Amino acid sequence: MISRFAKSFLAIVLSLFLLAALAFLHPPSRAYIDPYTGDFFGEGGVEQDPHPVPYNGARPLSAQGGVIMSKLGNETAKAELGRATWKLLHTMTLRYPEHPTQDERDALNSYLHLTSRLYPCGECAAEFQELLTKFPPQTGSRLAASLWLCSVHNEVNERLGKPVFDCAHLDATYDCGCGDDPLTSTMRSPVPGSAEDPMDLEWDIARDDVTGVGMIKGGKR
């Protein structure tokens, strides 16, 4: 007859064997949760989400929220701002990639939603937010993005009693004439404050930068 001590010993040995078998079949993961931040880290120390949510084209988290700016009372400034903004957005979508990556699609989607929050005309921004909710941005291609924006622009035109724009003539109306050559890393960086600086929007190469006097043109007359 087996003694009580022998039974306990066999039970311990059997338990250890089972634990060893489980450890062999399922090696422990090196993933862990930071006790201070709650962040999940995987092997190699790279932060990972154990259950990532696939992107569904909804409004990005950074662009969620209401209108930030107040009402713009100056009607002249409002009209000028509107024309400039439509030109910017139409030119942007007409130069948008034909086959954008997911990152490029996210960038355009975020830009449009952030514009609906930060647009200097508060009442205009509120209307733009409503349009984005009713007509979510189409970012799958250049054609989709440009035609989507044109249809949204026409929604505004109809409300204002303006003529509906023919979206087939977008290229002719908003062609910036700047070509499609991509920027390369071999381009020489422009010198800040020079005529080559693309961010110096007020630079006038026809005038002296100190006196403002018009430069004398050389060559034959």
C-alpha atoms as a PDB file:
ATOM      1  CA  MET A   1       0.000   0.000   0.000  1.00  0.00           C
ATOM      2  CA  ILE A   2       1.405   3.437  -0.988  1.00  0.00           C
ATOM      3  CA  SER A   3       2.069   5.722   1.947  1.00  0.00           C
ATOM      4  CA  ARG A   4       0.726   9.274   2.212  1.00  0.00           C
ATOM      5  CA  PHE A   5       4.235  10.677   1.668  1.00  0.00           C
ATOM      6  CA  ALA A   6       4.673   8.680  -1.539  1.00  0.00           C
ATOM      7  CA  LYS A   7       1.308   9.908  -2.843  1.00  0.00           C
ATOM      8  CA  SER A   8       2.291  13.530  -2.167  1.00  0.00           C
ATOM      9  CA  PHE A   9       5.642  13.047  -3.838  1.00  0.00           C
ATOM     10  CA  LEU A  10       4.081  11.502  -6.943  1.00  0.00           C
ATOM     11  CA  ALA A  11       1.524  14.325  -7.131  1.00  0.00           C
ATOM     12  CA  ILE A  12       4.298  16.929  -7.007  1.00  0.00           C
ATOM     13  CA  VAL A  13       6.333  15.131  -9.676  1.00  0.00           C
ATOM     14  CA  LEU A  14       3.277  14.827 -11.932  1.00  0.00           C
ATOM     15  CA  SER A  15       2.475  18.537 -11.511  1.00  0.00           C
ATOM     16  CA  LEU A  16       6.025  19.527 -12.388  1.00  0.00           C
ATOM     17  CA  PHE A  17       5.924  17.298 -15.448  1.00  0.00           C
ATOM     18  CA  LEU A  18       2.700  18.887 -16.644  1.00  0.00           C
ATOM     19  CA  LEU A  19       4.084  22.408 -16.139  1.00  0.00           C
ATOM     20  CA  ALA A  20       7.238  21.500 -18.059  1.00  0.00           C
ATOM     21  CA  ALA A  21       5.164  20.066 -20.919  1.00  0.00           C
ATOM     22  CA  LEU A  22       3.027  23.219 -21.116  1.00  0.00           C
ATOM     23  CA  ALA A  23       6.097  25.451 -21.098  1.00  0.00           C
ATOM     24  CA  PHE A  24       7.636  23.420 -23.911  1.00  0.00           C
ATOM     25  CA  LEU A  25       4.505  23.483 -26.061  1.00  0.00           C
ATOM     26  CA  HIS A  26       3.692  27.164 -25.364  1.00  0.00           C
ATOM     27  CA  PRO A  27       6.863  29.163 -24.659  1.00  0.00           C
ATOM     28  CA  PRO A  28       6.211  32.267 -22.583  1.00  0.00           C
ATOM     29  CA  SER A  29       5.866  35.511 -24.541  1.00  0.00           C
ATOM     30  CA  ARG A  30       8.284  38.319 -23.887  1.00  0.00           C
ATOM     31  CA  ALA A  31       5.467  40.814 -24.294  1.00  0.00           C
ATOM     32  CA  TYR A  32       4.559  42.774 -21.198  1.00  0.00           C
ATOM     33  CA  ILE A  33       2.506  45.720 -20.000  1.00  0.00           C
ATOM     34  CA  ASP A  34       4.300  48.753 -18.615  1.00  0.00           C
ATOM     35  CA  PRO A  35       3.028  49.076 -15.014  1.00  0.00           C
ATOM     36  CA  TYR A  36       3.427  52.872 -15.102  1.00  0.00           C
ATOM     37  CA  THR A  37       1.858  53.787 -18.449  1.00  0.00           C
ATOM     38  CA  GLY A  38      -0.205  50.695 -19.268  1.00  0.00           C
ATOM     39  CA  ASP A  39       1.414  50.520 -22.731  1.00  0.00           C
ATOM     40  CA  PHE A  40       1.686  47.098 -24.319  1.00  0.00           C
ATOM     41  CA  PHE A  41       5.138  46.080 -25.507  1.00  0.00           C
ATOM     42  CA  GLY A  42       6.019  43.114 -27.674  1.00  0.00           C
ATOM     43  CA  GLU A  43       9.227  41.291 -28.424  1.00  0.00           C
ATOM     44  CA  GLY A  44      12.145  43.570 -29.159  1.00  0.00           C
ATOM     45  CA  GLY A  45      10.696  46.384 -27.079  1.00  0.00           C
ATOM     46  CA  VAL A  46       8.448  47.705 -29.872  1.00  0.00           C
ATOM     47  CA  GLU A  47       5.149  49.085 -28.694  1.00  0.00           C
ATOM     48  CA  GLN A  48       2.306  47.061 -30.094  1.00  0.00           C
ATOM     49  CA  ASP A  49      -1.445  46.989 -29.843  1.00  0.00           C
ATOM     50  CA  PRO A  50      -2.634  43.451 -29.001  1.00  0.00           C
ATOM     51  CA  HIS A  51      -5.928  44.114 -30.788  1.00  0.00           C
ATOM     52  CA  PRO A  52      -5.325  46.744 -33.523  1.00  0.00           C
ATOM     53  CA  VAL A  53      -8.434  48.334 -34.986  1.00  0.00           C
ATOM     54  CA  PRO A  54      -8.345  48.450 -38.807  1.00  0.00           C
ATOM     55  CA  TYR A  55      -8.632  51.883 -40.421  1.00  0.00           C
ATOM     56  CA  ASN A  56     -12.137  52.471 -41.752  1.00  0.00           C
ATOM     57  CA  GLY A  57     -11.800  55.968 -43.167  1.00  0.00           C
ATOM     58  CA  ALA A  58     -13.662  57.625 -40.294  1.00  0.00           C
ATOM     59  CA  ARG A  59     -12.757  61.022 -38.921  1.00  0.00           C
ATOM     60  CA  PRO A  60      -9.233  60.832 -37.416  1.00  0.00           C
ATOM     61  CA  LEU A  61      -8.915  61.221 -33.666  1.00  0.00           C
ATOM     62  CA  SER A  62      -6.793  64.377 -33.975  1.00  0.00           C
ATOM     63  CA  ALA A  63      -9.522  66.075 -36.032  1.00  0.00           C
ATOM     64  CA  GLN A  64     -12.437  65.329 -33.746  1.00  0.00           C
ATOM     65  CA  GLY A  65     -14.027  68.334 -32.133  1.00  0.00           C
ATOM     66  CA  GLY A  66     -16.004  71.438 -32.879  1.00  0.00           C
ATOM     67  CA  VAL A  67     -15.205  74.663 -34.683  1.00  0.00           C
ATOM     68  CA  ILE A  68     -12.398  76.644 -33.069  1.00  0.00           C
ATOM     69  CA  MET A  69     -12.719  80.051 -34.748  1.00  0.00           C
ATOM     70  CA  SER A  70     -15.372  82.680 -34.097  1.00  0.00           C
ATOM     71  CA  LYS A  71     -17.726  84.259 -36.615  1.00  0.00           C
ATOM     72  CA  LEU A  72     -16.129  86.331 -39.370  1.00  0.00           C
ATOM     73  CA  GLY A  73     -18.117  89.545 -39.781  1.00  0.00           C
ATOM     74  CA  ASN A  74     -16.200  91.122 -42.659  1.00  0.00           C
ATOM     75  CA  GLU A  75     -17.992  89.939 -45.790  1.00  0.00           C
ATOM     76  CA  THR A  76     -15.188  91.075 -48.103  1.00  0.00           C
ATOM     77  CA  ALA A  77     -12.587  89.149 -46.129  1.00  0.00           C
ATOM     78  CA  LYS A  78     -14.912  86.142 -46.012  1.00  0.00           C
ATOM     79  CA  ALA A  79     -15.310  86.119 -49.812  1.00  0.00           C
ATOM     80  CA  GLU A  80     -11.576  86.513 -50.458  1.00  0.00           C
ATOM     81  CA  LEU A  81     -10.783  83.779 -47.956  1.00  0.00           C
ATOM     82  CA  GLY A  82     -13.311  81.453 -49.585  1.00  0.00           C
ATOM     83  CA  ARG A  83     -11.904  81.931 -53.088  1.00  0.00           C
ATOM     84  CA  ALA A  84      -8.350  81.379 -51.893  1.00  0.00           C
ATOM     85  CA  THR A  85      -9.299  78.269 -49.911  1.00  0.00           C
ATOM     86  CA  TRP A  86     -11.232  76.668 -52.765  1.00  0.00           C
ATOM     87  CA  LYS A  87      -8.266  77.278 -55.076  1.00  0.00           C
ATOM     88  CA  LEU A  88      -5.927  75.687 -52.538  1.00  0.00           C
ATOM     89  CA  LEU A  89      -8.128  72.621 -52.018  1.00  0.00           C
ATOM     90  CA  HIS A  90      -8.858  72.105 -55.719  1.00  0.00           C
ATOM     91  CA  THR A  91      -5.165  72.436 -56.629  1.00  0.00           C
ATOM     92  CA  MET A  92      -4.295  70.009 -53.844  1.00  0.00           C
ATOM     93  CA  THR A  93      -6.705  67.313 -55.001  1.00  0.00           C
ATOM     94  CA  LEU A  94      -5.681  67.768 -58.644  1.00  0.00           C
ATOM     95  CA  ARG A  95      -2.053  67.093 -57.656  1.00  0.00           C
ATOM     96  CA  TYR A  96      -2.972  64.278 -55.268  1.00  0.00           C
ATOM     97  CA  PRO A  97      -1.404  60.876 -56.173  1.00  0.00           C
ATOM     98  CA  GLU A  98      -3.188  58.668 -58.687  1.00  0.00           C
ATOM     99  CA  HIS A  99      -2.554  55.645 -56.472  1.00  0.00           C
ATOM    100  CA  PRO A 100      -2.094  56.971 -52.912  1.00  0.00           C
ATOM    101  CA  THR A 101      -0.719  54.920 -50.072  1.00  0.00           C
ATOM    102  CA  GLN A 102      -2.707  54.475 -46.873  1.00  0.00           C
ATOM    103  CA  ASP A 103      -0.532  57.118 -45.225  1.00  0.00           C
ATOM    104  CA  GLU A 104      -1.295  59.591 -48.029  1.00  0.00           C
ATOM    105  CA  ARG A 105      -5.004  58.862 -47.775  1.00  0.00           C
ATOM    106  CA  ASP A 106      -4.888  59.424 -44.016  1.00  0.00           C
ATOM    107  CA  ALA A 107      -3.022  62.700 -44.545  1.00  0.00           C
ATOM    108  CA  LEU A 108      -5.642  64.139 -46.906  1.00  0.00           C
ATOM    109  CA  ASN A 109      -8.499  62.949 -44.704  1.00  0.00           C
ATOM    110  CA  SER A 110      -6.905  64.532 -41.632  1.00  0.00           C
ATOM    111  CA  TYR A 111      -6.185  67.777 -43.481  1.00  0.00           C
ATOM    112  CA  LEU A 112      -9.780  68.193 -44.579  1.00  0.00           C
ATOM    113  CA  HIS A 113     -11.191  67.509 -41.128  1.00  0.00           C
ATOM    114  CA  LEU A 114      -8.665  69.791 -39.432  1.00  0.00           C
ATOM    115  CA  THR A 115      -9.544  72.514 -41.933  1.00  0.00           C
ATOM    116  CA  SER A 116     -13.168  72.182 -40.839  1.00  0.00           C
ATOM    117  CA  ARG A 117     -12.059  73.025 -37.304  1.00  0.00           C
ATOM    118  CA  LEU A 118      -9.417  75.700 -37.948  1.00  0.00           C
ATOM    119  CA  TYR A 119     -10.930  77.579 -40.887  1.00  0.00           C
ATOM    120  CA  PRO A 120     -10.822  81.289 -39.936  1.00  0.00           C
ATOM    121  CA  CYS A 121     -14.530  81.783 -40.674  1.00  0.00           C
ATOM    122  CA  GLY A 122     -16.380  80.056 -37.851  1.00  0.00           C
ATOM    123  CA  GLU A 123     -19.804  79.831 -39.507  1.00  0.00           C
ATOM    124  CA  CYS A 124     -18.192  78.610 -42.740  1.00  0.00           C
ATOM    125  CA  ALA A 125     -16.252  75.969 -40.801  1.00  0.00           C
ATOM    126  CA  ALA A 126     -19.464  74.725 -39.172  1.00  0.00           C
ATOM    127  CA  GLU A 127     -21.051  74.282 -42.606  1.00  0.00           C
ATOM    128  CA  PHE A 128     -17.952  72.474 -43.862  1.00  0.00           C
ATOM    129  CA  GLN A 129     -18.144  70.077 -40.923  1.00  0.00           C
ATOM    130  CA  GLU A 130     -21.743  69.285 -41.812  1.00  0.00           C
ATOM    131  CA  LEU A 131     -20.732  68.636 -45.432  1.00  0.00           C
ATOM    132  CA  LEU A 132     -17.926  66.299 -44.327  1.00  0.00           C
ATOM    133  CA  THR A 133     -20.408  64.349 -42.222  1.00  0.00           C
ATOM    134  CA  LYS A 134     -22.935  64.129 -45.038  1.00  0.00           C
ATOM    135  CA  PHE A 135     -20.342  63.507 -47.776  1.00  0.00           C
ATOM    136  CA  PRO A 136     -17.257  61.780 -46.298  1.00  0.00           C
ATOM    137  CA  PRO A 137     -14.003  62.568 -48.157  1.00  0.00           C
ATOM    138  CA  GLN A 138     -13.095  60.242 -51.021  1.00  0.00           C
ATOM    139  CA  THR A 139      -9.345  59.663 -50.941  1.00  0.00           C
ATOM    140  CA  GLY A 140      -8.902  56.515 -53.035  1.00  0.00           C
ATOM    141  CA  SER A 141      -7.396  58.298 -56.055  1.00  0.00           C
ATOM    142  CA  ARG A 142      -6.778  61.706 -57.605  1.00  0.00           C
ATOM    143  CA  LEU A 143      -9.970  61.454 -59.659  1.00  0.00           C
ATOM    144  CA  ALA A 144     -12.068  60.428 -56.663  1.00  0.00           C
ATOM    145  CA  ALA A 145     -10.691  63.212 -54.457  1.00  0.00           C
ATOM    146  CA  SER A 146     -10.997  65.978 -57.063  1.00  0.00           C
ATOM    147  CA  LEU A 147     -14.555  65.034 -58.101  1.00  0.00           C
ATOM    148  CA  TRP A 148     -15.612  64.680 -54.459  1.00  0.00           C
ATOM    149  CA  LEU A 149     -14.338  68.172 -53.675  1.00  0.00           C
ATOM    150  CA  CYS A 150     -16.024  69.571 -56.778  1.00  0.00           C
ATOM    151  CA  SER A 151     -19.377  68.094 -55.722  1.00  0.00           C
ATOM    152  CA  VAL A 152     -18.984  69.539 -52.213  1.00  0.00           C
ATOM    153  CA  HIS A 153     -18.115  72.928 -53.728  1.00  0.00           C
ATOM    154  CA  ASN A 154     -21.284  72.748 -55.803  1.00  0.00           C
ATOM    155  CA  GLU A 155     -23.313  72.025 -52.684  1.00  0.00           C
ATOM    156  CA  VAL A 156     -22.107  75.373 -51.361  1.00  0.00           C
ATOM    157  CA  ASN A 157     -22.729  77.073 -54.725  1.00  0.00           C
ATOM    158  CA  GLU A 158     -26.342  75.869 -54.774  1.00  0.00           C
ATOM    159  CA  ARG A 159     -26.957  77.129 -51.249  1.00  0.00           C
ATOM    160  CA  LEU A 160     -25.532  80.540 -52.172  1.00  0.00           C
ATOM    161  CA  GLY A 161     -27.497  80.680 -55.409  1.00  0.00           C
ATOM    162  CA  LYS A 162     -24.368  80.577 -57.551  1.00  0.00           C
ATOM    163  CA  PRO A 163     -24.013  78.662 -60.843  1.00  0.00           C
ATOM    164  CA  VAL A 164     -23.067  74.988 -60.504  1.00  0.00           C
ATOM    165  CA  PHE A 165     -19.513  74.375 -61.687  1.00  0.00           C
ATOM    166  CA  ASP A 166     -18.870  71.822 -64.437  1.00  0.00           C
ATOM    167  CA  CYS A 167     -16.527  69.323 -62.779  1.00  0.00           C
ATOM    168  CA  ALA A 168     -15.252  68.199 -66.182  1.00  0.00           C
ATOM    169  CA  HIS A 169     -13.331  71.485 -66.455  1.00  0.00           C
ATOM    170  CA  LEU A 170     -11.443  71.299 -63.165  1.00  0.00           C
ATOM    171  CA  ASP A 171      -8.034  70.975 -64.811  1.00  0.00           C
ATOM    172  CA  ALA A 172      -8.559  74.031 -66.994  1.00  0.00           C
ATOM    173  CA  THR A 173      -9.815  76.190 -64.126  1.00  0.00           C
ATOM    174  CA  TYR A 174      -7.418  75.210 -61.352  1.00  0.00           C
ATOM    175  CA  ASP A 175      -4.302  74.211 -63.297  1.00  0.00           C
ATOM    176  CA  CYS A 176      -1.394  75.665 -61.332  1.00  0.00           C
ATOM    177  CA  GLY A 177       1.041  75.149 -64.221  1.00  0.00           C
ATOM    178  CA  CYS A 178       3.596  73.763 -61.800  1.00  0.00           C
ATOM    179  CA  GLY A 179       4.034  70.331 -63.388  1.00  0.00           C
ATOM    180  CA  ASP A 180       4.172  66.958 -61.682  1.00  0.00           C
ATOM    181  CA  ASP A 181       7.922  66.511 -61.241  1.00  0.00           C
ATOM    182  CA  PRO A 182       8.479  65.021 -57.783  1.00  0.00           C
ATOM    183  CA  LEU A 183      10.845  66.609 -55.308  1.00  0.00           C
ATOM    184  CA  THR A 184      14.094  64.678 -54.916  1.00  0.00           C
ATOM    185  CA  SER A 185      16.689  64.512 -52.204  1.00  0.00           C
ATOM    186  CA  THR A 186      19.337  65.696 -54.678  1.00  0.00           C
ATOM    187  CA  MET A 187      17.847  69.181 -54.890  1.00  0.00           C
ATOM    188  CA  ARG A 188      19.951  71.867 -53.277  1.00  0.00           C
ATOM    189  CA  SER A 189      18.329  73.318 -50.182  1.00  0.00           C
ATOM    190  CA  PRO A 190      17.257  76.939 -50.755  1.00  0.00           C
ATOM    191  CA  VAL A 191      18.934  79.667 -48.754  1.00  0.00           C
ATOM    192  CA  PRO A 192      16.433  81.197 -46.306  1.00  0.00           C
ATOM    193  CA  GLY A 193      15.564  84.755 -47.272  1.00  0.00           C
ATOM    194  CA  SER A 194      16.739  84.337 -50.850  1.00  0.00           C
ATOM    195  CA  ALA A 195      14.687  84.456 -54.025  1.00  0.00           C
ATOM    196  CA  GLU A 196      14.889  80.647 -54.103  1.00  0.00           C
ATOM    197  CA  ASP A 197      13.186  80.238 -50.757  1.00  0.00           C
ATOM    198  CA  PRO A 198       9.737  78.699 -51.521  1.00  0.00           C
ATOM    199  CA  MET A 199       8.353  79.852 -48.179  1.00  0.00           C
ATOM    200  CA  ASP A 200       9.172  83.511 -48.814  1.00  0.00           C
ATOM    201  CA  LEU A 201       5.803  84.299 -50.343  1.00  0.00           C
ATOM    202  CA  GLU A 202       6.393  88.049 -50.314  1.00  0.00           C
ATOM    203  CA  TRP A 203       9.729  88.012 -52.104  1.00  0.00           C
ATOM    204  CA  ASP A 204       9.780  90.232 -55.189  1.00  0.00           C
ATOM    205  CA  ILE A 205      12.800  89.563 -57.391  1.00  0.00           C
ATOM    206  CA  ALA A 206      11.964  92.654 -59.471  1.00  0.00           C
ATOM    207  CA  ARG A 207      12.788  95.001 -56.561  1.00  0.00           C
ATOM    208  CA  ASP A 208      15.772  95.656 -54.370  1.00  0.00           C
ATOM    209  CA  ASP A 209      15.335  93.885 -51.036  1.00  0.00           C
ATOM    210  CA  VAL A 210      16.615  96.886 -49.052  1.00  0.00           C
ATOM    211  CA  THR A 211      15.337  99.996 -50.811  1.00  0.00           C
ATOM    212  CA  GLY A 212      12.349  98.509 -52.625  1.00  0.00           C
ATOM    213  CA  VAL A 213      13.378 100.308 -55.813  1.00  0.00           C
ATOM    214  CA  GLY A 214      12.636  98.538 -59.060  1.00  0.00           C
ATOM    215  CA  MET A 215      15.627  96.717 -60.551  1.00  0.00           C
ATOM    216  CA  ILE A 216      17.034  97.838 -63.918  1.00  0.00           C
ATOM    217  CA  LYS A 217      16.485  95.216 -66.606  1.00  0.00           C
ATOM    218  CA  GLY A 218      19.444  94.540 -68.895  1.00  0.00           C
ATOM    219  CA  GLY A 219      19.596  93.249 -72.464  1.00  0.00           C
ATOM    220  CA  LYS A 220      18.352  94.654 -75.752  1.00  0.00           C
ATOM    221  CA  ARG A 221      15.308  96.853 -75.897  1.00  0.00           C
END
